[in-house]
Amino acid sequence: MLYERVEVWKRLAEGSVVCFQCVKRLPDGMFAVQSADFFHPPASKVQVAGSHNQFAELMMEDDPSVRTELWRMSLEEAVAAHEEHFAPMWDSIRLATF
């Protein structure tokens, strides 16, 4: 199956950002979030490279259609579903320093 990679960025109140590594399933146009990476100032090249490396590793490990059931018709809906599903972990991740 073919997928298109789409990065979606969200600014957080504390000056950090989260990058949602999304995929679009080309046969049906549905979207899902593969992973979410949090960046805290100052962002480093190592963080960014690690994010891209993780995306490739996840793609090799499992087909995205198997990895998640949170497929949605739009990027906004996919991100919202991901945030809702992982909400219990967000506070600890957002406040961590990397």
PDB file of N, CA and C in Angstrom:
ATOM      1  N   MET A   1       0.853  -1.176   0.000  1.00  0.00           N
ATOM      2  CA  MET A   1       0.000   0.000   0.000  1.00  0.00           C
ATOM      3  C   MET A   1       0.899   1.239   0.000  1.00  0.00           C
ATOM      4  N   LEU A   2       0.439   2.285  -0.632  1.00  0.00           N
ATOM      5  CA  LEU A   2       1.184   3.538  -0.682  1.00  0.00           C
ATOM      6  C   LEU A   2       0.667   4.522   0.360  1.00  0.00           C
ATOM      7  N   TYR A   3       1.630   5.242   0.968  1.00  0.00           N
ATOM      8  CA  TYR A   3       1.319   6.262   1.967  1.00  0.00           C
ATOM      9  C   TYR A   3       2.069   7.538   1.629  1.00  0.00           C
ATOM     10  N   GLU A   4       1.493   8.652   2.000  1.00  0.00           N
ATOM     11  CA  GLU A   4       2.151   9.943   1.892  1.00  0.00           C
ATOM     12  C   GLU A   4       2.410  10.472   3.293  1.00  0.00           C
ATOM     13  N   ARG A   5       3.606  10.945   3.524  1.00  0.00           N
ATOM     14  CA  ARG A   5       3.961  11.511   4.828  1.00  0.00           C
ATOM     15  C   ARG A   5       3.532  12.975   4.875  1.00  0.00           C
ATOM     16  N   VAL A   6       2.913  13.371   5.995  1.00  0.00           N
ATOM     17  CA  VAL A   6       2.483  14.753   6.186  1.00  0.00           C
ATOM     18  C   VAL A   6       2.857  15.163   7.613  1.00  0.00           C
ATOM     19  N   GLU A   7       3.606  16.256   7.743  1.00  0.00           N
ATOM     20  CA  GLU A   7       3.928  16.787   9.069  1.00  0.00           C
ATOM     21  C   GLU A   7       2.942  17.894   9.403  1.00  0.00           C
ATOM     22  N   VAL A   8       2.395  17.828  10.606  1.00  0.00           N
ATOM     23  CA  VAL A   8       1.474  18.851  11.096  1.00  0.00           C
ATOM     24  C   VAL A   8       2.040  19.369  12.412  1.00  0.00           C
ATOM     25  N   TRP A   9       2.222  20.692  12.491  1.00  0.00           N
ATOM     26  CA  TRP A   9       2.829  21.307  13.665  1.00  0.00           C
ATOM     27  C   TRP A   9       1.791  22.038  14.499  1.00  0.00           C
ATOM     28  N   LYS A  10       1.960  21.966  15.823  1.00  0.00           N
ATOM     29  CA  LYS A  10       1.080  22.683  16.749  1.00  0.00           C
ATOM     30  C   LYS A  10       1.942  23.380  17.791  1.00  0.00           C
ATOM     31  N   ARG A  11       1.696  24.674  17.956  1.00  0.00           N
ATOM     32  CA  ARG A  11       2.399  25.437  18.991  1.00  0.00           C
ATOM     33  C   ARG A  11       1.717  25.189  20.331  1.00  0.00           C
ATOM     34  N   LEU A  12       2.528  25.009  21.363  1.00  0.00           N
ATOM     35  CA  LEU A  12       2.016  24.783  22.708  1.00  0.00           C
ATOM     36  C   LEU A  12       2.210  26.040  23.541  1.00  0.00           C
ATOM     37  N   ALA A  13       1.394  26.195  24.547  1.00  0.00           N
ATOM     38  CA  ALA A  13       1.385  27.417  25.367  1.00  0.00           C
ATOM     39  C   ALA A  13       2.740  27.709  26.001  1.00  0.00           C
ATOM     40  N   GLU A  14       3.481  26.691  26.373  1.00  0.00           N
ATOM     41  CA  GLU A  14       4.736  26.925  27.090  1.00  0.00           C
ATOM     42  C   GLU A  14       5.923  27.191  26.167  1.00  0.00           C
ATOM     43  N   GLY A  15       5.657  27.498  24.884  1.00  0.00           N
ATOM     44  CA  GLY A  15       6.723  27.837  23.950  1.00  0.00           C
ATOM     45  C   GLY A  15       7.291  26.653  23.209  1.00  0.00           C
ATOM     46  N   SER A  16       6.846  25.473  23.531  1.00  0.00           N
ATOM     47  CA  SER A  16       7.277  24.269  22.837  1.00  0.00           C
ATOM     48  C   SER A  16       6.345  24.013  21.660  1.00  0.00           C
ATOM     49  N   VAL A  17       6.700  23.017  20.865  1.00  0.00           N
ATOM     50  CA  VAL A  17       5.850  22.617  19.740  1.00  0.00           C
ATOM     51  C   VAL A  17       5.751  21.102  19.703  1.00  0.00           C
ATOM     52  N   VAL A  18       4.713  20.636  19.052  1.00  0.00           N
ATOM     53  CA  VAL A  18       4.576  19.202  18.798  1.00  0.00           C
ATOM     54  C   VAL A  18       4.418  19.028  17.300  1.00  0.00           C
ATOM     55  N   CYS A  19       5.133  18.050  16.781  1.00  0.00           N
ATOM     56  CA  CYS A  19       5.044  17.715  15.362  1.00  0.00           C
ATOM     57  C   CYS A  19       4.324  16.373  15.258  1.00  0.00           C
ATOM     58  N   PHE A  20       3.173  16.392  14.638  1.00  0.00           N
ATOM     59  CA  PHE A  20       2.424  15.159  14.396  1.00  0.00           C
ATOM     60  C   PHE A  20       2.904  14.582  13.072  1.00  0.00           C
ATOM     61  N   GLN A  21       3.488  13.410  13.141  1.00  0.00           N
ATOM     62  CA  GLN A  21       3.948  12.712  11.940  1.00  0.00           C
ATOM     63  C   GLN A  21       2.761  11.900  11.424  1.00  0.00           C
ATOM     64  N   CYS A  22       2.128  12.428  10.390  1.00  0.00           N
ATOM     65  CA  CYS A  22       0.907  11.832   9.867  1.00  0.00           C
ATOM     66  C   CYS A  22       1.164  11.081   8.571  1.00  0.00           C
ATOM     67  N   VAL A  23       0.271  10.184   8.260  1.00  0.00           N
ATOM     68  CA  VAL A  23       0.302   9.490   6.980  1.00  0.00           C
ATOM     69  C   VAL A  23      -1.066   9.590   6.326  1.00  0.00           C
ATOM     70  N   LYS A  24      -1.027   9.721   5.025  1.00  0.00           N
ATOM     71  CA  LYS A  24      -2.244   9.686   4.218  1.00  0.00           C
ATOM     72  C   LYS A  24      -2.209   8.376   3.442  1.00  0.00           C
ATOM     73  N   ARG A  25      -3.250   7.590   3.590  1.00  0.00           N
ATOM     74  CA  ARG A  25      -3.372   6.322   2.875  1.00  0.00           C
ATOM     75  C   ARG A  25      -3.868   6.658   1.469  1.00  0.00           C
ATOM     76  N   LEU A  26      -3.028   6.521   0.476  1.00  0.00           N
ATOM     77  CA  LEU A  26      -3.355   6.995  -0.862  1.00  0.00           C
ATOM     78  C   LEU A  26      -4.569   6.319  -1.512  1.00  0.00           C
ATOM     79  N   PRO A  27      -4.805   5.029  -1.324  1.00  0.00           N
ATOM     80  CA  PRO A  27      -5.969   4.429  -1.990  1.00  0.00           C
ATOM     81  C   PRO A  27      -7.317   5.034  -1.586  1.00  0.00           C
ATOM     82  N   ASP A  28      -7.445   5.455  -0.308  1.00  0.00           N
ATOM     83  CA  ASP A  28      -8.751   5.975   0.131  1.00  0.00           C
ATOM     84  C   ASP A  28      -8.690   7.406   0.684  1.00  0.00           C
ATOM     85  N   GLY A  29      -7.495   7.999   0.761  1.00  0.00           N
ATOM     86  CA  GLY A  29      -7.367   9.379   1.212  1.00  0.00           C
ATOM     87  C   GLY A  29      -7.551   9.602   2.698  1.00  0.00           C
ATOM     88  N   MET A  30      -7.568   8.547   3.492  1.00  0.00           N
ATOM     89  CA  MET A  30      -7.739   8.665   4.942  1.00  0.00           C
ATOM     90  C   MET A  30      -6.411   9.040   5.600  1.00  0.00           C
ATOM     91  N   PHE A  31      -6.497   9.724   6.768  1.00  0.00           N
ATOM     92  CA  PHE A  31      -5.330  10.202   7.498  1.00  0.00           C
ATOM     93  C   PHE A  31      -5.255   9.567   8.878  1.00  0.00           C
ATOM     94  N   ALA A  32      -4.013   9.389   9.357  1.00  0.00           N
ATOM     95  CA  ALA A  32      -3.773   8.935  10.725  1.00  0.00           C
ATOM     96  C   ALA A  32      -2.459   9.548  11.204  1.00  0.00           C
ATOM     97  N   VAL A  33      -2.306   9.632  12.512  1.00  0.00           N
ATOM     98  CA  VAL A  33      -1.060  10.113  13.106  1.00  0.00           C
ATOM     99  C   VAL A  33      -0.199   8.892  13.414  1.00  0.00           C
ATOM    100  N   GLN A  34       0.996   8.874  12.864  1.00  0.00           N
ATOM    101  CA  GLN A  34       1.948   7.786  13.095  1.00  0.00           C
ATOM    102  C   GLN A  34       2.637   7.973  14.445  1.00  0.00           C
ATOM    103  N   SER A  35       2.993   9.231  14.755  1.00  0.00           N
ATOM    104  CA  SER A  35       3.632   9.541  16.035  1.00  0.00           C
ATOM    105  C   SER A  35       3.553  11.045  16.270  1.00  0.00           C
ATOM    106  N   ALA A  36       3.833  11.438  17.490  1.00  0.00           N
ATOM    107  CA  ALA A  36       3.874  12.864  17.835  1.00  0.00           C
ATOM    108  C   ALA A  36       5.186  13.126  18.566  1.00  0.00           C
ATOM    109  N   ASP A  37       5.915  14.121  18.087  1.00  0.00           N
ATOM    110  CA  ASP A  37       7.215  14.441  18.645  1.00  0.00           C
ATOM    111  C   ASP A  37       7.178  15.836  19.261  1.00  0.00           C
ATOM    112  N   PHE A  38       7.596  15.935  20.507  1.00  0.00           N
ATOM    113  CA  PHE A  38       7.588  17.204  21.227  1.00  0.00           C
ATOM    114  C   PHE A  38       8.977  17.823  21.174  1.00  0.00           C
ATOM    115  N   PHE A  39       9.010  19.116  20.876  1.00  0.00           N
ATOM    116  CA  PHE A  39      10.264  19.860  20.822  1.00  0.00           C
ATOM    117  C   PHE A  39      10.193  21.015  21.813  1.00  0.00           C
ATOM    118  N   HIS A  40      11.254  21.141  22.603  1.00  0.00           N
ATOM    119  CA  HIS A  40      11.347  22.208  23.600  1.00  0.00           C
ATOM    120  C   HIS A  40      12.545  23.078  23.240  1.00  0.00           C
ATOM    121  N   PRO A  41      12.440  24.388  23.451  1.00  0.00           N
ATOM    122  CA  PRO A  41      13.564  25.254  23.099  1.00  0.00           C
ATOM    123  C   PRO A  41      14.786  24.951  23.958  1.00  0.00           C
ATOM    124  N   PRO A  42      15.944  25.029  23.403  1.00  0.00           N
ATOM    125  CA  PRO A  42      16.222  25.229  21.983  1.00  0.00           C
ATOM    126  C   PRO A  42      16.186  23.893  21.250  1.00  0.00           C
ATOM    127  N   ALA A  43      15.504  23.839  20.121  1.00  0.00           N
ATOM    128  CA  ALA A  43      15.436  22.621  19.316  1.00  0.00           C
ATOM    129  C   ALA A  43      16.813  22.345  18.720  1.00  0.00           C
ATOM    130  N   SER A  44      17.145  21.085  18.634  1.00  0.00           N
ATOM    131  CA  SER A  44      18.460  20.729  18.094  1.00  0.00           C
ATOM    132  C   SER A  44      18.310  19.901  16.818  1.00  0.00           C
ATOM    133  N   LYS A  45      19.360  19.876  16.036  1.00  0.00           N
ATOM    134  CA  LYS A  45      19.373  19.059  14.818  1.00  0.00           C
ATOM    135  C   LYS A  45      19.210  17.579  15.174  1.00  0.00           C
ATOM    136  N   VAL A  46      19.731  17.199  16.328  1.00  0.00           N
ATOM    137  CA  VAL A  46      19.630  15.803  16.772  1.00  0.00           C
ATOM    138  C   VAL A  46      18.172  15.432  17.018  1.00  0.00           C
ATOM    139  N   GLN A  47      17.406  16.341  17.653  1.00  0.00           N
ATOM    140  CA  GLN A  47      15.979  16.087  17.886  1.00  0.00           C
ATOM    141  C   GLN A  47      15.233  15.911  16.573  1.00  0.00           C
ATOM    142  N   VAL A  48      15.463  16.820  15.645  1.00  0.00           N
ATOM    143  CA  VAL A  48      14.760  16.786  14.365  1.00  0.00           C
ATOM    144  C   VAL A  48      15.135  15.525  13.593  1.00  0.00           C
ATOM    145  N   ALA A  49      16.402  15.200  13.555  1.00  0.00           N
ATOM    146  CA  ALA A  49      16.847  13.988  12.863  1.00  0.00           C
ATOM    147  C   ALA A  49      16.262  12.745  13.519  1.00  0.00           C
ATOM    148  N   GLY A  50      16.195  12.744  14.840  1.00  0.00           N
ATOM    149  CA  GLY A  50      15.612  11.608  15.547  1.00  0.00           C
ATOM    150  C   GLY A  50      14.139  11.413  15.213  1.00  0.00           C
ATOM    151  N   SER A  51      13.439  12.513  15.051  1.00  0.00           N
ATOM    152  CA  SER A  51      12.025  12.457  14.680  1.00  0.00           C
ATOM    153  C   SER A  51      11.851  11.813  13.314  1.00  0.00           C
ATOM    154  N   HIS A  52      12.666  12.224  12.352  1.00  0.00           N
ATOM    155  CA  HIS A  52      12.588  11.670  11.001  1.00  0.00           C
ATOM    156  C   HIS A  52      13.006  10.201  10.988  1.00  0.00           C
ATOM    157  N   ASN A  53      14.027   9.877  11.770  1.00  0.00           N
ATOM    158  CA  ASN A  53      14.493   8.494  11.859  1.00  0.00           C
ATOM    159  C   ASN A  53      13.415   7.593  12.464  1.00  0.00           C
ATOM    160  N   GLN A  54      12.745   8.095  13.510  1.00  0.00           N
ATOM    161  CA  GLN A  54      11.692   7.308  14.146  1.00  0.00           C
ATOM    162  C   GLN A  54      10.548   7.031  13.175  1.00  0.00           C
ATOM    163  N   PHE A  55      10.199   8.023  12.356  1.00  0.00           N
ATOM    164  CA  PHE A  55       9.128   7.831  11.377  1.00  0.00           C
ATOM    165  C   PHE A  55       9.478   6.669  10.444  1.00  0.00           C
ATOM    166  N   ALA A  56      10.710   6.664   9.929  1.00  0.00           N
ATOM    167  CA  ALA A  56      11.136   5.584   9.030  1.00  0.00           C
ATOM    168  C   ALA A  56      11.120   4.231   9.747  1.00  0.00           C
ATOM    169  N   GLU A  57      11.596   4.202  10.989  1.00  0.00           N
ATOM    170  CA  GLU A  57      11.608   2.947  11.749  1.00  0.00           C
ATOM    171  C   GLU A  57      10.197   2.413  11.964  1.00  0.00           C
ATOM    172  N   LEU A  58       9.264   3.306  12.321  1.00  0.00           N
ATOM    173  CA  LEU A  58       7.884   2.873  12.532  1.00  0.00           C
ATOM    174  C   LEU A  58       7.268   2.339  11.245  1.00  0.00           C
ATOM    175  N   MET A  59       7.581   2.974  10.118  1.00  0.00           N
ATOM    176  CA  MET A  59       7.057   2.506   8.833  1.00  0.00           C
ATOM    177  C   MET A  59       7.589   1.114   8.505  1.00  0.00           C
ATOM    178  N   MET A  60       8.841   0.853   8.871  1.00  0.00           N
ATOM    179  CA  MET A  60       9.435  -0.456   8.591  1.00  0.00           C
ATOM    180  C   MET A  60       8.909  -1.534   9.533  1.00  0.00           C
ATOM    181  N   GLU A  61       8.621  -1.156  10.781  1.00  0.00           N
ATOM    182  CA  GLU A  61       8.160  -2.130  11.773  1.00  0.00           C
ATOM    183  C   GLU A  61       6.769  -2.667  11.468  1.00  0.00           C
ATOM    184  N   ASP A  62       5.827  -1.758  11.220  1.00  0.00           N
ATOM    185  CA  ASP A  62       4.429  -2.145  11.022  1.00  0.00           C
ATOM    186  C   ASP A  62       3.803  -1.294   9.941  1.00  0.00           C
ATOM    187  N   ASP A  63       2.923  -1.894   9.188  1.00  0.00           N
ATOM    188  CA  ASP A  63       2.120  -1.129   8.237  1.00  0.00           C
ATOM    189  C   ASP A  63       1.241  -0.177   9.045  1.00  0.00           C
ATOM    190  N   PRO A  64       1.178   1.096   8.679  1.00  0.00           N
ATOM    191  CA  PRO A  64       0.347   2.039   9.438  1.00  0.00           C
ATOM    192  C   PRO A  64      -1.110   1.606   9.587  1.00  0.00           C
ATOM    193  N   SER A  65      -1.637   0.869   8.619  1.00  0.00           N
ATOM    194  CA  SER A  65      -3.024   0.397   8.730  1.00  0.00           C
ATOM    195  C   SER A  65      -3.192  -0.613   9.848  1.00  0.00           C
ATOM    196  N   VAL A  66      -2.093  -1.265  10.235  1.00  0.00           N
ATOM    197  CA  VAL A  66      -2.119  -2.220  11.342  1.00  0.00           C
ATOM    198  C   VAL A  66      -1.812  -1.508  12.656  1.00  0.00           C
ATOM    199  N   ARG A  67      -0.918  -0.507  12.607  1.00  0.00           N
ATOM    200  CA  ARG A  67      -0.460   0.182  13.811  1.00  0.00           C
ATOM    201  C   ARG A  67      -1.578   0.961  14.508  1.00  0.00           C
ATOM    202  N   THR A  68      -2.479   1.567  13.738  1.00  0.00           N
ATOM    203  CA  THR A  68      -3.517   2.397  14.351  1.00  0.00           C
ATOM    204  C   THR A  68      -4.870   2.164  13.704  1.00  0.00           C
ATOM    205  N   GLU A  69      -5.897   2.351  14.506  1.00  0.00           N
ATOM    206  CA  GLU A  69      -7.271   2.300  14.009  1.00  0.00           C
ATOM    207  C   GLU A  69      -7.880   3.695  13.963  1.00  0.00           C
ATOM    208  N   LEU A  70      -7.073   4.723  14.229  1.00  0.00           N
ATOM    209  CA  LEU A  70      -7.572   6.087  14.327  1.00  0.00           C
ATOM    210  C   LEU A  70      -7.509   6.814  12.978  1.00  0.00           C
ATOM    211  N   TRP A  71      -8.002   6.199  11.926  1.00  0.00           N
ATOM    212  CA  TRP A  71      -8.021   6.797  10.589  1.00  0.00           C
ATOM    213  C   TRP A  71      -9.213   7.727  10.465  1.00  0.00           C
ATOM    214  N   ARG A  72      -8.963   8.914   9.896  1.00  0.00           N
ATOM    215  CA  ARG A  72     -10.018   9.923   9.755  1.00  0.00           C
ATOM    216  C   ARG A  72      -9.980  10.536   8.361  1.00  0.00           C
ATOM    217  N   MET A  73     -11.046  11.248   8.011  1.00  0.00           N
ATOM    218  CA  MET A  73     -11.178  11.842   6.686  1.00  0.00           C
ATOM    219  C   MET A  73     -10.303  13.090   6.493  1.00  0.00           C
ATOM    220  N   SER A  74      -9.904  13.760   7.577  1.00  0.00           N
ATOM    221  CA  SER A  74      -9.090  14.968   7.454  1.00  0.00           C
ATOM    222  C   SER A  74      -7.922  14.906   8.438  1.00  0.00           C
ATOM    223  N   LEU A  75      -6.915  15.729   8.156  1.00  0.00           N
ATOM    224  CA  LEU A  75      -5.777  15.825   9.080  1.00  0.00           C
ATOM    225  C   LEU A  75      -6.224  16.324  10.445  1.00  0.00           C
ATOM    226  N   GLU A  76      -7.095  17.321  10.453  1.00  0.00           N
ATOM    227  CA  GLU A  76      -7.569  17.878  11.715  1.00  0.00           C
ATOM    228  C   GLU A  76      -8.254  16.817  12.570  1.00  0.00           C
ATOM    229  N   GLU A  77      -9.080  15.997  11.930  1.00  0.00           N
ATOM    230  CA  GLU A  77      -9.778  14.934  12.666  1.00  0.00           C
ATOM    231  C   GLU A  77      -8.793  13.874  13.160  1.00  0.00           C
ATOM    232  N   ALA A  78      -7.787  13.562  12.354  1.00  0.00           N
ATOM    233  CA  ALA A  78      -6.794  12.561  12.754  1.00  0.00           C
ATOM    234  C   ALA A  78      -5.991  13.042  13.956  1.00  0.00           C
ATOM    235  N   VAL A  79      -5.581  14.319  13.928  1.00  0.00           N
ATOM    236  CA  VAL A  79      -4.822  14.877  15.050  1.00  0.00           C
ATOM    237  C   VAL A  79      -5.691  14.912  16.306  1.00  0.00           C
ATOM    238  N   ALA A  80      -6.940  15.336  16.173  1.00  0.00           N
ATOM    239  CA  ALA A  80      -7.854  15.385  17.325  1.00  0.00           C
ATOM    240  C   ALA A  80      -8.056  13.991  17.921  1.00  0.00           C
ATOM    241  N   ALA A  81      -8.215  12.987  17.080  1.00  0.00           N
ATOM    242  CA  ALA A  81      -8.389  11.615  17.572  1.00  0.00           C
ATOM    243  C   ALA A  81      -7.139  11.137  18.297  1.00  0.00           C
ATOM    244  N   HIS A  82      -5.969  11.466  17.756  1.00  0.00           N
ATOM    245  CA  HIS A  82      -4.704  11.092  18.388  1.00  0.00           C
ATOM    246  C   HIS A  82      -4.552  11.778  19.753  1.00  0.00           C
ATOM    247  N   GLU A  83      -4.845  13.078  19.792  1.00  0.00           N
ATOM    248  CA  GLU A  83      -4.742  13.816  21.059  1.00  0.00           C
ATOM    249  C   GLU A  83      -5.694  13.245  22.104  1.00  0.00           C
ATOM    250  N   GLU A  84      -6.908  12.936  21.706  1.00  0.00           N
ATOM    251  CA  GLU A  84      -7.882  12.382  22.650  1.00  0.00           C
ATOM    252  C   GLU A  84      -7.434  11.017  23.163  1.00  0.00           C
ATOM    253  N   HIS A  85      -6.946  10.182  22.265  1.00  0.00           N
ATOM    254  CA  HIS A  85      -6.523   8.834  22.635  1.00  0.00           C
ATOM    255  C   HIS A  85      -5.326   8.850  23.597  1.00  0.00           C
ATOM    256  N   PHE A  86      -4.388   9.778  23.359  1.00  0.00           N
ATOM    257  CA  PHE A  86      -3.171   9.819  24.169  1.00  0.00           C
ATOM    258  C   PHE A  86      -3.183  10.919  25.226  1.00  0.00           C
ATOM    259  N   ALA A  87      -4.319  11.550  25.463  1.00  0.00           N
ATOM    260  CA  ALA A  87      -4.427  12.646  26.427  1.00  0.00           C
ATOM    261  C   ALA A  87      -3.842  12.311  27.805  1.00  0.00           C
ATOM    262  N   PRO A  88      -4.052  11.112  28.338  1.00  0.00           N
ATOM    263  CA  PRO A  88      -3.502  10.819  29.667  1.00  0.00           C
ATOM    264  C   PRO A  88      -1.973  10.946  29.736  1.00  0.00           C
ATOM    265  N   MET A  89      -1.276  10.772  28.618  1.00  0.00           N
ATOM    266  CA  MET A  89       0.191  10.827  28.619  1.00  0.00           C
ATOM    267  C   MET A  89       0.722  12.214  28.293  1.00  0.00           C
ATOM    268  N   TRP A  90      -0.107  13.097  27.744  1.00  0.00           N
ATOM    269  CA  TRP A  90       0.368  14.381  27.239  1.00  0.00           C
ATOM    270  C   TRP A  90       1.021  15.264  28.281  1.00  0.00           C
ATOM    271  N   ASP A  91       0.454  15.405  29.457  1.00  0.00           N
ATOM    272  CA  ASP A  91       1.014  16.318  30.456  1.00  0.00           C
ATOM    273  C   ASP A  91       2.441  15.940  30.826  1.00  0.00           C
ATOM    274  N   SER A  92       2.683  14.666  31.039  1.00  0.00           N
ATOM    275  CA  SER A  92       4.036  14.263  31.424  1.00  0.00           C
ATOM    276  C   SER A  92       5.008  14.419  30.263  1.00  0.00           C
ATOM    277  N   ILE A  93       4.571  14.187  29.042  1.00  0.00           N
ATOM    278  CA  ILE A  93       5.452  14.317  27.884  1.00  0.00           C
ATOM    279  C   ILE A  93       5.755  15.794  27.604  1.00  0.00           C
ATOM    280  N   ARG A  94       4.722  16.629  27.640  1.00  0.00           N
ATOM    281  CA  ARG A  94       4.913  18.048  27.325  1.00  0.00           C
ATOM    282  C   ARG A  94       5.853  18.730  28.306  1.00  0.00           C
ATOM    283  N   LEU A  95       5.826  18.291  29.554  1.00  0.00           N
ATOM    284  CA  LEU A  95       6.632  18.958  30.577  1.00  0.00           C
ATOM    285  C   LEU A  95       8.042  18.375  30.708  1.00  0.00           C
ATOM    286  N   ALA A  96       8.281  17.271  30.029  1.00  0.00           N
ATOM    287  CA  ALA A  96       9.609  16.650  30.109  1.00  0.00           C
ATOM    288  C   ALA A  96      10.630  17.503  29.356  1.00  0.00           C
ATOM    289  N   THR A  97      11.852  17.430  29.780  1.00  0.00           N
ATOM    290  CA  THR A  97      12.916  18.130  29.054  1.00  0.00           C
ATOM    291  C   THR A  97      13.720  17.108  28.299  1.00  0.00           C
ATOM    292  N   PHE A  98      14.078  17.452  27.088  1.00  0.00           N
ATOM    293  CA  PHE A  98      14.816  16.518  26.229  1.00  0.00           C
ATOM    294  C   PHE A  98      16.199  17.054  25.946  1.00  0.00           C
TER     295      PHE A  98
END
